[in-house]
Amino acid sequence: MPKTRSPRPRPAPPPSSGLRTYSLLSRQSKVGIGDFAKPFQPESGLAGFIDSLPDILAGKDFKDFLGLLRNARSRKKAILFGLGAHVIKVGLNPVLIRLLNDGWVSGLALNGAGIIHDFEIAFCGRTSEDVAIQIRTGEFGMARETGEMLNAAIRSGAKQGCGLGAAVGKMIAGSGLPFKDLSLLASAHKLGIPVSVHVAIGTDTIHFHPRSSGEALGRASLADFFLFCSLLEGLEGGGVYINVGSAVILPEVFLKALSYVRNRGARLERFSTAVFDFLQHYRPQQNVVCRAVGKKGRGFYFIGHHEIMIPLLAAALATNR
């Protein structure tokens, strides 16, 4: 068979004589050398390091966010933290407790797993079992003291009309547990800082222990929902809400609480929000960063590991600049 010849490529057309150009000097650009990072000077300390970050994207956002937090504290506006349990189990309680003591936290919101890790740290100085191993034998979540003592505190608190966070914080603070000084809930209890705990039934290991009471869990967690709603009212006028490491529960609670508060007539327009997480998740992005703040607030999303980002945030705030 005769070989098929490939068609000859057509010559490129000449540049259009009608193309409109302009001088680069006349163009507005999003990045200039004044925004560049500066080499870190060790003698400048952490404050110098923060100042050396580029005024571009997350570098600028982080510096802006620090300014909003400092402004909120100086004006006595609410600074609220919503914490996923992972934040506690990666060893950040000492850093968070320092933030409590230094006046950077007006209130805390946790999911149900948060009280488990916090209690176990107070009880024995250890937490976070190896789920991949424990689940094979049916021993995952079966630690006796965790189930007994937390459920007893929740039952007692519900009978007294206490929220779940207050009940557990009071129990740990008043106990003889050897590491209670490292408990976030006990520290908040001692300082009078409100803690709300938002439970989804069936998501936490203590729910299947014999002393668990659905009635007590529901009553205490519902009380905490309305406590959280009351705390949100303090955001107006420059407050800040920070969601750290909760991908579903707390972003959903935050959105519903915000709707409830606004429906009852509270004006909540001028405040800021931020998410710290090691991935970008749909609900934190939409519920916390975008939908909540509208046109008069600001929303931020900082991506990075909690065990690096939260100590960095706390250290930056400690510079008082």
C-alpha atoms as a PDB file:
ATOM      1  CA  MET A   1       0.000   0.000   0.000  1.00  0.00           C
ATOM      2  CA  PRO A   2       1.266   3.493  -0.751  1.00  0.00           C
ATOM      3  CA  LYS A   3       2.400   5.487   2.247  1.00  0.00           C
ATOM      4  CA  THR A   4       0.056   8.231   3.410  1.00  0.00           C
ATOM      5  CA  ARG A   5       1.745  11.582   3.436  1.00  0.00           C
ATOM      6  CA  SER A   6       1.233  13.813   6.458  1.00  0.00           C
ATOM      7  CA  PRO A   7      -0.169  17.209   5.553  1.00  0.00           C
ATOM      8  CA  ARG A   8       2.349  19.993   5.582  1.00  0.00           C
ATOM      9  CA  PRO A   9       1.992  22.327   8.585  1.00  0.00           C
ATOM     10  CA  ARG A  10       0.659  25.702   7.700  1.00  0.00           C
ATOM     11  CA  PRO A  11       2.894  28.650   8.444  1.00  0.00           C
ATOM     12  CA  ALA A  12       1.960  30.629  11.543  1.00  0.00           C
ATOM     13  CA  PRO A  13       0.027  33.788  10.772  1.00  0.00           C
ATOM     14  CA  PRO A  14       1.942  37.025  11.221  1.00  0.00           C
ATOM     15  CA  PRO A  15       1.271  39.064  14.374  1.00  0.00           C
ATOM     16  CA  SER A  16      -1.903  41.027  14.055  1.00  0.00           C
ATOM     17  CA  SER A  17      -1.214  44.608  13.213  1.00  0.00           C
ATOM     18  CA  GLY A  18      -4.399  45.529  15.104  1.00  0.00           C
ATOM     19  CA  LEU A  19      -3.281  44.141  18.502  1.00  0.00           C
ATOM     20  CA  ARG A  20      -3.676  46.717  21.279  1.00  0.00           C
ATOM     21  CA  THR A  21      -0.943  46.848  23.927  1.00  0.00           C
ATOM     22  CA  TYR A  22      -0.138  49.128  26.830  1.00  0.00           C
ATOM     23  CA  SER A  23       2.877  49.964  28.949  1.00  0.00           C
ATOM     24  CA  LEU A  24       3.556  47.619  31.852  1.00  0.00           C
ATOM     25  CA  LEU A  25       4.208  50.758  33.905  1.00  0.00           C
ATOM     26  CA  SER A  26       0.556  51.782  33.522  1.00  0.00           C
ATOM     27  CA  ARG A  27      -0.889  48.440  34.616  1.00  0.00           C
ATOM     28  CA  GLN A  28      -2.305  47.823  38.076  1.00  0.00           C
ATOM     29  CA  SER A  29      -0.673  44.715  39.588  1.00  0.00           C
ATOM     30  CA  LYS A  30      -1.659  42.675  42.625  1.00  0.00           C
ATOM     31  CA  VAL A  31       1.912  42.142  43.833  1.00  0.00           C
ATOM     32  CA  GLY A  32       4.673  44.698  44.342  1.00  0.00           C
ATOM     33  CA  ILE A  33       8.088  44.512  45.949  1.00  0.00           C
ATOM     34  CA  GLY A  34       6.742  46.413  48.953  1.00  0.00           C
ATOM     35  CA  ASP A  35       4.644  43.323  49.700  1.00  0.00           C
ATOM     36  CA  PHE A  36       7.569  40.895  49.618  1.00  0.00           C
ATOM     37  CA  ALA A  37       8.758  38.843  52.569  1.00  0.00           C
ATOM     38  CA  LYS A  38      11.831  40.055  54.410  1.00  0.00           C
ATOM     39  CA  PRO A  39      14.664  37.778  55.514  1.00  0.00           C
ATOM     40  CA  PHE A  40      14.216  36.909  59.173  1.00  0.00           C
ATOM     41  CA  GLN A  41      16.566  38.622  61.594  1.00  0.00           C
ATOM     42  CA  PRO A  42      17.024  36.411  64.687  1.00  0.00           C
ATOM     43  CA  GLU A  43      17.436  39.388  67.013  1.00  0.00           C
ATOM     44  CA  SER A  44      13.945  40.621  66.063  1.00  0.00           C
ATOM     45  CA  GLY A  45      12.271  37.671  67.794  1.00  0.00           C
ATOM     46  CA  LEU A  46       8.873  36.256  66.958  1.00  0.00           C
ATOM     47  CA  ALA A  47       7.337  39.685  66.406  1.00  0.00           C
ATOM     48  CA  GLY A  48       9.979  40.332  63.782  1.00  0.00           C
ATOM     49  CA  PHE A  49       9.240  36.989  62.162  1.00  0.00           C
ATOM     50  CA  ILE A  50       5.533  37.835  61.882  1.00  0.00           C
ATOM     51  CA  ASP A  51       6.383  41.255  60.441  1.00  0.00           C
ATOM     52  CA  SER A  52       8.705  39.600  57.919  1.00  0.00           C
ATOM     53  CA  LEU A  53       5.901  37.564  56.349  1.00  0.00           C
ATOM     54  CA  PRO A  54       4.818  38.766  52.903  1.00  0.00           C
ATOM     55  CA  ASP A  55       1.790  41.040  52.717  1.00  0.00           C
ATOM     56  CA  ILE A  56       0.340  38.612  50.195  1.00  0.00           C
ATOM     57  CA  LEU A  57      -2.486  36.065  50.568  1.00  0.00           C
ATOM     58  CA  ALA A  58      -2.222  34.079  53.836  1.00  0.00           C
ATOM     59  CA  GLY A  59       0.740  36.132  55.067  1.00  0.00           C
ATOM     60  CA  LYS A  60      -1.324  39.310  54.970  1.00  0.00           C
ATOM     61  CA  ASP A  61      -4.427  37.523  56.239  1.00  0.00           C
ATOM     62  CA  PHE A  62      -2.590  36.219  59.292  1.00  0.00           C
ATOM     63  CA  LYS A  63      -1.308  39.666  60.233  1.00  0.00           C
ATOM     64  CA  ASP A  64      -4.742  41.196  59.656  1.00  0.00           C
ATOM     65  CA  PHE A  65      -6.336  38.489  61.785  1.00  0.00           C
ATOM     66  CA  LEU A  66      -3.934  39.111  64.663  1.00  0.00           C
ATOM     67  CA  GLY A  67      -4.908  42.769  64.528  1.00  0.00           C
ATOM     68  CA  LEU A  68      -8.601  41.900  64.707  1.00  0.00           C
ATOM     69  CA  LEU A  69      -8.012  39.678  67.748  1.00  0.00           C
ATOM     70  CA  ARG A  70      -6.040  42.381  69.549  1.00  0.00           C
ATOM     71  CA  ASN A  71      -8.735  44.912  68.750  1.00  0.00           C
ATOM     72  CA  ALA A  72     -11.453  42.562  70.039  1.00  0.00           C
ATOM     73  CA  ARG A  73      -9.669  42.028  73.347  1.00  0.00           C
ATOM     74  CA  SER A  74      -8.911  45.723  73.859  1.00  0.00           C
ATOM     75  CA  ARG A  75     -12.570  46.598  73.196  1.00  0.00           C
ATOM     76  CA  LYS A  76     -13.804  43.716  75.384  1.00  0.00           C
ATOM     77  CA  LYS A  77     -15.616  42.013  72.518  1.00  0.00           C
ATOM     78  CA  ALA A  78     -16.190  38.267  72.538  1.00  0.00           C
ATOM     79  CA  ILE A  79     -13.444  35.941  71.318  1.00  0.00           C
ATOM     80  CA  LEU A  80     -14.939  32.471  71.007  1.00  0.00           C
ATOM     81  CA  PHE A  81     -13.148  29.248  70.121  1.00  0.00           C
ATOM     82  CA  GLY A  82     -14.903  26.185  68.693  1.00  0.00           C
ATOM     83  CA  LEU A  83     -12.560  23.213  69.079  1.00  0.00           C
ATOM     84  CA  GLY A  84     -12.631  19.797  67.492  1.00  0.00           C
ATOM     85  CA  ALA A  85     -11.338  16.984  69.702  1.00  0.00           C
ATOM     86  CA  HIS A  86      -8.202  16.525  67.586  1.00  0.00           C
ATOM     87  CA  VAL A  87      -6.976  19.888  68.853  1.00  0.00           C
ATOM     88  CA  ILE A  88      -6.912  18.514  72.399  1.00  0.00           C
ATOM     89  CA  LYS A  89      -5.413  15.133  71.606  1.00  0.00           C
ATOM     90  CA  VAL A  90      -2.412  16.581  69.751  1.00  0.00           C
ATOM     91  CA  GLY A  91      -1.182  18.089  73.009  1.00  0.00           C
ATOM     92  CA  LEU A  92      -2.367  21.696  72.814  1.00  0.00           C
ATOM     93  CA  ASN A  93      -4.065  22.013  76.218  1.00  0.00           C
ATOM     94  CA  PRO A  94      -1.127  23.902  77.806  1.00  0.00           C
ATOM     95  CA  VAL A  95      -1.188  26.418  74.946  1.00  0.00           C
ATOM     96  CA  LEU A  96      -4.968  26.801  75.104  1.00  0.00           C
ATOM     97  CA  ILE A  97      -4.935  27.166  78.894  1.00  0.00           C
ATOM     98  CA  ARG A  98      -2.375  29.954  78.555  1.00  0.00           C
ATOM     99  CA  LEU A  99      -4.747  31.711  76.150  1.00  0.00           C
ATOM    100  CA  LEU A 100      -7.520  31.350  78.748  1.00  0.00           C
ATOM    101  CA  ASN A 101      -5.331  32.818  81.479  1.00  0.00           C
ATOM    102  CA  ASP A 102      -4.163  35.706  79.304  1.00  0.00           C
ATOM    103  CA  GLY A 103      -7.688  36.838  78.456  1.00  0.00           C
ATOM    104  CA  TRP A 104      -7.802  35.757  74.825  1.00  0.00           C
ATOM    105  CA  VAL A 105     -10.859  33.504  75.223  1.00  0.00           C
ATOM    106  CA  SER A 106     -14.387  34.558  76.209  1.00  0.00           C
ATOM    107  CA  GLY A 107     -15.938  31.134  75.681  1.00  0.00           C
ATOM    108  CA  LEU A 108     -15.254  27.645  74.362  1.00  0.00           C
ATOM    109  CA  ALA A 109     -17.396  25.261  72.334  1.00  0.00           C
ATOM    110  CA  LEU A 110     -16.444  21.583  72.048  1.00  0.00           C
ATOM    111  CA  ASN A 111     -17.871  18.503  70.421  1.00  0.00           C
ATOM    112  CA  GLY A 112     -18.566  15.400  72.484  1.00  0.00           C
ATOM    113  CA  ALA A 113     -15.195  13.766  71.853  1.00  0.00           C
ATOM    114  CA  GLY A 114     -13.437  16.805  73.295  1.00  0.00           C
ATOM    115  CA  ILE A 115     -14.548  16.033  76.846  1.00  0.00           C
ATOM    116  CA  ILE A 116     -13.289  12.451  76.479  1.00  0.00           C
ATOM    117  CA  HIS A 117      -9.732  13.452  75.592  1.00  0.00           C
ATOM    118  CA  ASP A 118      -9.744  16.228  78.179  1.00  0.00           C
ATOM    119  CA  PHE A 119     -10.925  13.886  80.941  1.00  0.00           C
ATOM    120  CA  GLU A 120      -8.420  11.160  80.077  1.00  0.00           C
ATOM    121  CA  ILE A 121      -5.562  13.662  80.140  1.00  0.00           C
ATOM    122  CA  ALA A 122      -6.672  14.769  83.619  1.00  0.00           C
ATOM    123  CA  PHE A 123      -7.181  11.187  84.797  1.00  0.00           C
ATOM    124  CA  CYS A 124      -3.936   9.535  83.714  1.00  0.00           C
ATOM    125  CA  GLY A 125      -1.967  11.959  81.549  1.00  0.00           C
ATOM    126  CA  ARG A 126      -2.653   9.928  78.392  1.00  0.00           C
ATOM    127  CA  THR A 127      -5.348   9.752  75.713  1.00  0.00           C
ATOM    128  CA  SER A 128      -6.022   8.683  72.097  1.00  0.00           C
ATOM    129  CA  GLU A 129      -6.231   4.906  71.826  1.00  0.00           C
ATOM    130  CA  ASP A 130      -5.092   3.019  68.728  1.00  0.00           C
ATOM    131  CA  VAL A 131      -8.447   2.583  67.019  1.00  0.00           C
ATOM    132  CA  ALA A 132      -7.131   0.318  64.254  1.00  0.00           C
ATOM    133  CA  ILE A 133      -6.038  -2.237  66.867  1.00  0.00           C
ATOM    134  CA  GLN A 134      -8.811  -1.805  69.444  1.00  0.00           C
ATOM    135  CA  ILE A 135     -11.676  -1.995  66.934  1.00  0.00           C
ATOM    136  CA  ARG A 136     -10.692  -5.539  65.885  1.00  0.00           C
ATOM    137  CA  THR A 137     -11.311  -6.947  69.344  1.00  0.00           C
ATOM    138  CA  GLY A 138     -14.320  -4.809  70.241  1.00  0.00           C
ATOM    139  CA  GLU A 139     -12.339  -2.944  72.897  1.00  0.00           C
ATOM    140  CA  PHE A 140     -12.445   0.469  71.245  1.00  0.00           C
ATOM    141  CA  GLY A 141     -14.004   2.983  73.625  1.00  0.00           C
ATOM    142  CA  MET A 142     -14.336   0.521  76.501  1.00  0.00           C
ATOM    143  CA  ALA A 143     -12.177   2.315  79.090  1.00  0.00           C
ATOM    144  CA  ARG A 144     -14.180   1.945  82.310  1.00  0.00           C
ATOM    145  CA  GLU A 145     -13.319   5.173  84.098  1.00  0.00           C
ATOM    146  CA  THR A 146     -13.983   7.353  81.052  1.00  0.00           C
ATOM    147  CA  GLY A 147     -17.496   5.999  80.626  1.00  0.00           C
ATOM    148  CA  GLU A 148     -18.369   5.899  84.318  1.00  0.00           C
ATOM    149  CA  MET A 149     -17.064   9.262  85.477  1.00  0.00           C
ATOM    150  CA  LEU A 150     -18.147  11.338  82.497  1.00  0.00           C
ATOM    151  CA  ASN A 151     -21.642   9.863  82.412  1.00  0.00           C
ATOM    152  CA  ALA A 152     -21.995  10.345  86.170  1.00  0.00           C
ATOM    153  CA  ALA A 153     -21.021  14.008  85.801  1.00  0.00           C
ATOM    154  CA  ILE A 154     -23.452  14.510  82.912  1.00  0.00           C
ATOM    155  CA  ARG A 155     -26.323  12.865  84.821  1.00  0.00           C
ATOM    156  CA  SER A 156     -25.623  14.937  87.910  1.00  0.00           C
ATOM    157  CA  GLY A 157     -25.331  18.147  85.935  1.00  0.00           C
ATOM    158  CA  ALA A 158     -28.547  17.528  84.014  1.00  0.00           C
ATOM    159  CA  LYS A 159     -30.460  17.003  87.288  1.00  0.00           C
ATOM    160  CA  GLN A 160     -29.139  20.333  88.550  1.00  0.00           C
ATOM    161  CA  GLY A 161     -29.989  22.116  85.297  1.00  0.00           C
ATOM    162  CA  CYS A 162     -26.325  22.498  84.302  1.00  0.00           C
ATOM    163  CA  GLY A 163     -24.997  22.368  80.797  1.00  0.00           C
ATOM    164  CA  LEU A 164     -22.694  19.543  79.816  1.00  0.00           C
ATOM    165  CA  GLY A 165     -19.550  21.674  79.710  1.00  0.00           C
ATOM    166  CA  ALA A 166     -20.151  23.125  83.162  1.00  0.00           C
ATOM    167  CA  ALA A 167     -20.928  19.690  84.629  1.00  0.00           C
ATOM    168  CA  VAL A 168     -17.746  18.065  83.344  1.00  0.00           C
ATOM    169  CA  GLY A 169     -15.566  21.083  84.135  1.00  0.00           C
ATOM    170  CA  LYS A 170     -16.879  21.179  87.700  1.00  0.00           C
ATOM    171  CA  MET A 171     -16.311  17.442  88.147  1.00  0.00           C
ATOM    172  CA  ILE A 172     -12.699  17.531  86.956  1.00  0.00           C
ATOM    173  CA  ALA A 173     -11.858  20.749  88.829  1.00  0.00           C
ATOM    174  CA  GLY A 174     -13.247  19.355  92.088  1.00  0.00           C
ATOM    175  CA  SER A 175     -11.645  15.940  91.729  1.00  0.00           C
ATOM    176  CA  GLY A 176      -8.344  14.569  92.910  1.00  0.00           C
ATOM    177  CA  LEU A 177      -7.275  13.618  89.403  1.00  0.00           C
ATOM    178  CA  PRO A 178      -3.482  13.887  89.171  1.00  0.00           C
ATOM    179  CA  PHE A 179      -3.288  15.902  85.957  1.00  0.00           C
ATOM    180  CA  LYS A 180      -6.369  18.097  86.303  1.00  0.00           C
ATOM    181  CA  ASP A 181      -4.236  21.228  85.905  1.00  0.00           C
ATOM    182  CA  LEU A 182      -3.859  20.193  82.257  1.00  0.00           C
ATOM    183  CA  SER A 183      -7.622  19.936  81.773  1.00  0.00           C
ATOM    184  CA  LEU A 184      -9.059  22.605  79.505  1.00  0.00           C
ATOM    185  CA  LEU A 185     -12.537  22.267  81.017  1.00  0.00           C
ATOM    186  CA  ALA A 186     -11.291  22.420  84.610  1.00  0.00           C
ATOM    187  CA  SER A 187      -9.177  25.482  83.817  1.00  0.00           C
ATOM    188  CA  ALA A 188     -12.122  27.235  82.182  1.00  0.00           C
ATOM    189  CA  HIS A 189     -14.306  26.335  85.181  1.00  0.00           C
ATOM    190  CA  LYS A 190     -11.815  27.890  87.610  1.00  0.00           C
ATOM    191  CA  LEU A 191     -11.599  31.063  85.515  1.00  0.00           C
ATOM    192  CA  GLY A 192     -15.358  31.363  85.040  1.00  0.00           C
ATOM    193  CA  ILE A 193     -15.081  30.988  81.270  1.00  0.00           C
ATOM    194  CA  PRO A 194     -18.193  29.290  79.839  1.00  0.00           C
ATOM    195  CA  VAL A 195     -17.794  26.023  77.933  1.00  0.00           C
ATOM    196  CA  SER A 196     -20.528  24.523  75.779  1.00  0.00           C
ATOM    197  CA  VAL A 197     -20.424  20.912  74.580  1.00  0.00           C
ATOM    198  CA  HIS A 198     -22.419  19.924  71.505  1.00  0.00           C
ATOM    199  CA  VAL A 199     -23.179  16.219  71.311  1.00  0.00           C
ATOM    200  CA  ALA A 200     -24.391  14.092  68.413  1.00  0.00           C
ATOM    201  CA  ILE A 201     -25.823  10.922  69.952  1.00  0.00           C
ATOM    202  CA  GLY A 202     -23.877   7.839  68.919  1.00  0.00           C
ATOM    203  CA  THR A 203     -20.702   9.622  67.853  1.00  0.00           C
ATOM    204  CA  ASP A 204     -18.894   9.279  71.196  1.00  0.00           C
ATOM    205  CA  THR A 205     -17.739   6.133  72.956  1.00  0.00           C
ATOM    206  CA  ILE A 206     -19.289   7.054  76.309  1.00  0.00           C
ATOM    207  CA  HIS A 207     -22.768   6.826  74.768  1.00  0.00           C
ATOM    208  CA  PHE A 208     -22.840   3.022  74.876  1.00  0.00           C
ATOM    209  CA  HIS A 209     -21.591   2.667  78.446  1.00  0.00           C
ATOM    210  CA  PRO A 210     -24.098   1.389  81.037  1.00  0.00           C
ATOM    211  CA  ARG A 211     -24.382   4.713  82.878  1.00  0.00           C
ATOM    212  CA  SER A 212     -25.130   6.711  79.746  1.00  0.00           C
ATOM    213  CA  SER A 213     -28.474   8.501  79.683  1.00  0.00           C
ATOM    214  CA  GLY A 214     -29.875   9.856  76.451  1.00  0.00           C
ATOM    215  CA  GLU A 215     -32.157  12.117  78.447  1.00  0.00           C
ATOM    216  CA  ALA A 216     -29.261  13.610  80.425  1.00  0.00           C
ATOM    217  CA  LEU A 217     -27.074  14.004  77.337  1.00  0.00           C
ATOM    218  CA  GLY A 218     -29.856  15.705  75.413  1.00  0.00           C
ATOM    219  CA  ARG A 219     -30.902  17.987  78.246  1.00  0.00           C
ATOM    220  CA  ALA A 220     -27.362  19.073  79.112  1.00  0.00           C
ATOM    221  CA  SER A 221     -26.274  19.539  75.497  1.00  0.00           C
ATOM    222  CA  LEU A 222     -29.420  21.498  74.636  1.00  0.00           C
ATOM    223  CA  ALA A 223     -28.732  23.793  77.585  1.00  0.00           C
ATOM    224  CA  ASP A 224     -25.264  24.311  76.146  1.00  0.00           C
ATOM    225  CA  PHE A 225     -26.699  25.177  72.741  1.00  0.00           C
ATOM    226  CA  PHE A 226     -28.597  28.090  74.263  1.00  0.00           C
ATOM    227  CA  LEU A 227     -25.519  29.055  76.282  1.00  0.00           C
ATOM    228  CA  PHE A 228     -23.587  29.176  73.011  1.00  0.00           C
ATOM    229  CA  CYS A 229     -26.318  31.337  71.467  1.00  0.00           C
ATOM    230  CA  SER A 230     -25.991  33.838  74.310  1.00  0.00           C
ATOM    231  CA  LEU A 231     -22.221  33.984  73.799  1.00  0.00           C
ATOM    232  CA  LEU A 232     -22.625  34.762  70.100  1.00  0.00           C
ATOM    233  CA  GLU A 233     -24.417  38.000  70.946  1.00  0.00           C
ATOM    234  CA  GLY A 234     -21.114  39.337  72.267  1.00  0.00           C
ATOM    235  CA  LEU A 235     -19.546  39.141  68.806  1.00  0.00           C
ATOM    236  CA  GLU A 236     -21.294  42.247  67.494  1.00  0.00           C
ATOM    237  CA  GLY A 237     -19.036  45.238  67.043  1.00  0.00           C
ATOM    238  CA  GLY A 238     -15.711  43.523  66.468  1.00  0.00           C
ATOM    239  CA  GLY A 239     -15.771  40.098  68.120  1.00  0.00           C
ATOM    240  CA  VAL A 240     -14.138  37.002  66.641  1.00  0.00           C
ATOM    241  CA  TYR A 241     -15.269  33.378  66.304  1.00  0.00           C
ATOM    242  CA  ILE A 242     -12.554  30.791  65.577  1.00  0.00           C
ATOM    243  CA  ASN A 243     -13.347  27.240  64.464  1.00  0.00           C
ATOM    244  CA  VAL A 244     -10.353  24.959  64.983  1.00  0.00           C
ATOM    245  CA  GLY A 245     -10.485  21.426  63.660  1.00  0.00           C
ATOM    246  CA  SER A 246     -14.227  20.769  63.581  1.00  0.00           C
ATOM    247  CA  ALA A 247     -15.369  19.810  60.092  1.00  0.00           C
ATOM    248  CA  VAL A 248     -19.080  19.153  60.686  1.00  0.00           C
ATOM    249  CA  ILE A 249     -20.597  19.428  64.181  1.00  0.00           C
ATOM    250  CA  LEU A 250     -19.478  22.879  65.292  1.00  0.00           C
ATOM    251  CA  PRO A 251     -19.862  24.610  61.905  1.00  0.00           C
ATOM    252  CA  GLU A 252     -23.450  23.341  61.817  1.00  0.00           C
ATOM    253  CA  VAL A 253     -24.130  24.366  65.423  1.00  0.00           C
ATOM    254  CA  PHE A 254     -22.622  27.797  64.736  1.00  0.00           C
ATOM    255  CA  LEU A 255     -24.877  28.390  61.723  1.00  0.00           C
ATOM    256  CA  LYS A 256     -28.061  27.381  63.569  1.00  0.00           C
ATOM    257  CA  ALA A 257     -27.135  29.403  66.645  1.00  0.00           C
ATOM    258  CA  LEU A 258     -26.470  32.439  64.481  1.00  0.00           C
ATOM    259  CA  SER A 259     -29.892  32.121  62.860  1.00  0.00           C
ATOM    260  CA  TYR A 260     -31.564  31.730  66.269  1.00  0.00           C
ATOM    261  CA  VAL A 261     -29.879  34.812  67.703  1.00  0.00           C
ATOM    262  CA  ARG A 262     -30.664  36.972  64.680  1.00  0.00           C
ATOM    263  CA  ASN A 263     -34.259  35.746  64.592  1.00  0.00           C
ATOM    264  CA  ARG A 264     -34.731  36.961  68.163  1.00  0.00           C
ATOM    265  CA  GLY A 265     -33.670  40.463  67.195  1.00  0.00           C
ATOM    266  CA  ALA A 266     -29.970  40.594  68.008  1.00  0.00           C
ATOM    267  CA  ARG A 267     -27.875  42.553  65.560  1.00  0.00           C
ATOM    268  CA  LEU A 268     -24.965  40.408  64.458  1.00  0.00           C
ATOM    269  CA  GLU A 269     -23.255  41.947  61.445  1.00  0.00           C
ATOM    270  CA  ARG A 270     -19.864  43.369  62.399  1.00  0.00           C
ATOM    271  CA  PHE A 271     -17.645  40.505  63.526  1.00  0.00           C
ATOM    272  CA  SER A 272     -14.969  38.256  62.076  1.00  0.00           C
ATOM    273  CA  THR A 273     -14.526  34.512  61.780  1.00  0.00           C
ATOM    274  CA  ALA A 274     -11.629  32.192  61.083  1.00  0.00           C
ATOM    275  CA  VAL A 275     -11.077  28.505  60.472  1.00  0.00           C
ATOM    276  CA  PHE A 276      -7.842  26.719  61.324  1.00  0.00           C
ATOM    277  CA  ASP A 277      -7.607  23.220  59.880  1.00  0.00           C
ATOM    278  CA  PHE A 278      -5.205  20.989  57.981  1.00  0.00           C
ATOM    279  CA  LEU A 279      -7.650  20.599  55.064  1.00  0.00           C
ATOM    280  CA  GLN A 280     -10.208  22.850  53.445  1.00  0.00           C
ATOM    281  CA  HIS A 281     -13.638  21.471  54.316  1.00  0.00           C
ATOM    282  CA  TYR A 282     -16.992  22.456  52.850  1.00  0.00           C
ATOM    283  CA  ARG A 283     -18.968  23.272  56.006  1.00  0.00           C
ATOM    284  CA  PRO A 284     -16.310  25.356  57.785  1.00  0.00           C
ATOM    285  CA  GLN A 285     -15.686  27.290  54.565  1.00  0.00           C
ATOM    286  CA  GLN A 286     -19.357  27.935  53.860  1.00  0.00           C
ATOM    287  CA  ASN A 287     -20.898  28.162  57.339  1.00  0.00           C
ATOM    288  CA  VAL A 288     -18.119  29.914  59.238  1.00  0.00           C
ATOM    289  CA  VAL A 289     -16.102  31.877  56.684  1.00  0.00           C
ATOM    290  CA  CYS A 290     -18.674  32.836  54.025  1.00  0.00           C
ATOM    291  CA  ARG A 291     -22.319  32.638  55.097  1.00  0.00           C
ATOM    292  CA  ALA A 292     -21.972  33.978  58.618  1.00  0.00           C
ATOM    293  CA  VAL A 293     -20.178  37.283  58.191  1.00  0.00           C
ATOM    294  CA  GLY A 294     -21.868  38.776  55.138  1.00  0.00           C
ATOM    295  CA  LYS A 295     -20.603  42.101  53.799  1.00  0.00           C
ATOM    296  CA  LYS A 296     -19.669  43.827  57.062  1.00  0.00           C
ATOM    297  CA  GLY A 297     -17.371  41.181  58.527  1.00  0.00           C
ATOM    298  CA  ARG A 298     -14.317  39.228  57.459  1.00  0.00           C
ATOM    299  CA  GLY A 299     -13.745  35.510  57.185  1.00  0.00           C
ATOM    300  CA  PHE A 300     -10.375  33.745  57.085  1.00  0.00           C
ATOM    301  CA  TYR A 301      -9.270  30.174  56.389  1.00  0.00           C
ATOM    302  CA  PHE A 302      -5.797  29.115  57.543  1.00  0.00           C
ATOM    303  CA  ILE A 303      -4.564  25.696  56.446  1.00  0.00           C
ATOM    304  CA  GLY A 304      -1.927  23.889  58.478  1.00  0.00           C
ATOM    305  CA  HIS A 305      -1.464  21.313  61.217  1.00  0.00           C
ATOM    306  CA  HIS A 306      -3.007  22.292  64.553  1.00  0.00           C
ATOM    307  CA  GLU A 307       0.130  21.368  66.472  1.00  0.00           C
ATOM    308  CA  ILE A 308       1.994  24.068  64.522  1.00  0.00           C
ATOM    309  CA  MET A 309      -0.634  26.692  63.737  1.00  0.00           C
ATOM    310  CA  ILE A 310      -2.213  27.099  67.185  1.00  0.00           C
ATOM    311  CA  PRO A 311       1.105  27.506  69.058  1.00  0.00           C
ATOM    312  CA  LEU A 312       2.114  29.986  66.344  1.00  0.00           C
ATOM    313  CA  LEU A 313      -1.120  31.924  66.832  1.00  0.00           C
ATOM    314  CA  ALA A 314      -0.743  31.927  70.620  1.00  0.00           C
ATOM    315  CA  ALA A 315       2.906  32.982  70.469  1.00  0.00           C
ATOM    316  CA  ALA A 316       2.094  35.785  68.029  1.00  0.00           C
ATOM    317  CA  LEU A 317      -0.616  37.088  70.367  1.00  0.00           C
ATOM    318  CA  ALA A 318       1.817  36.963  73.291  1.00  0.00           C
ATOM    319  CA  THR A 319       4.078  39.482  71.548  1.00  0.00           C
ATOM    320  CA  ASN A 320       1.436  42.201  72.173  1.00  0.00           C
ATOM    321  CA  ARG A 321       2.255  43.985  68.941  1.00  0.00           C
END
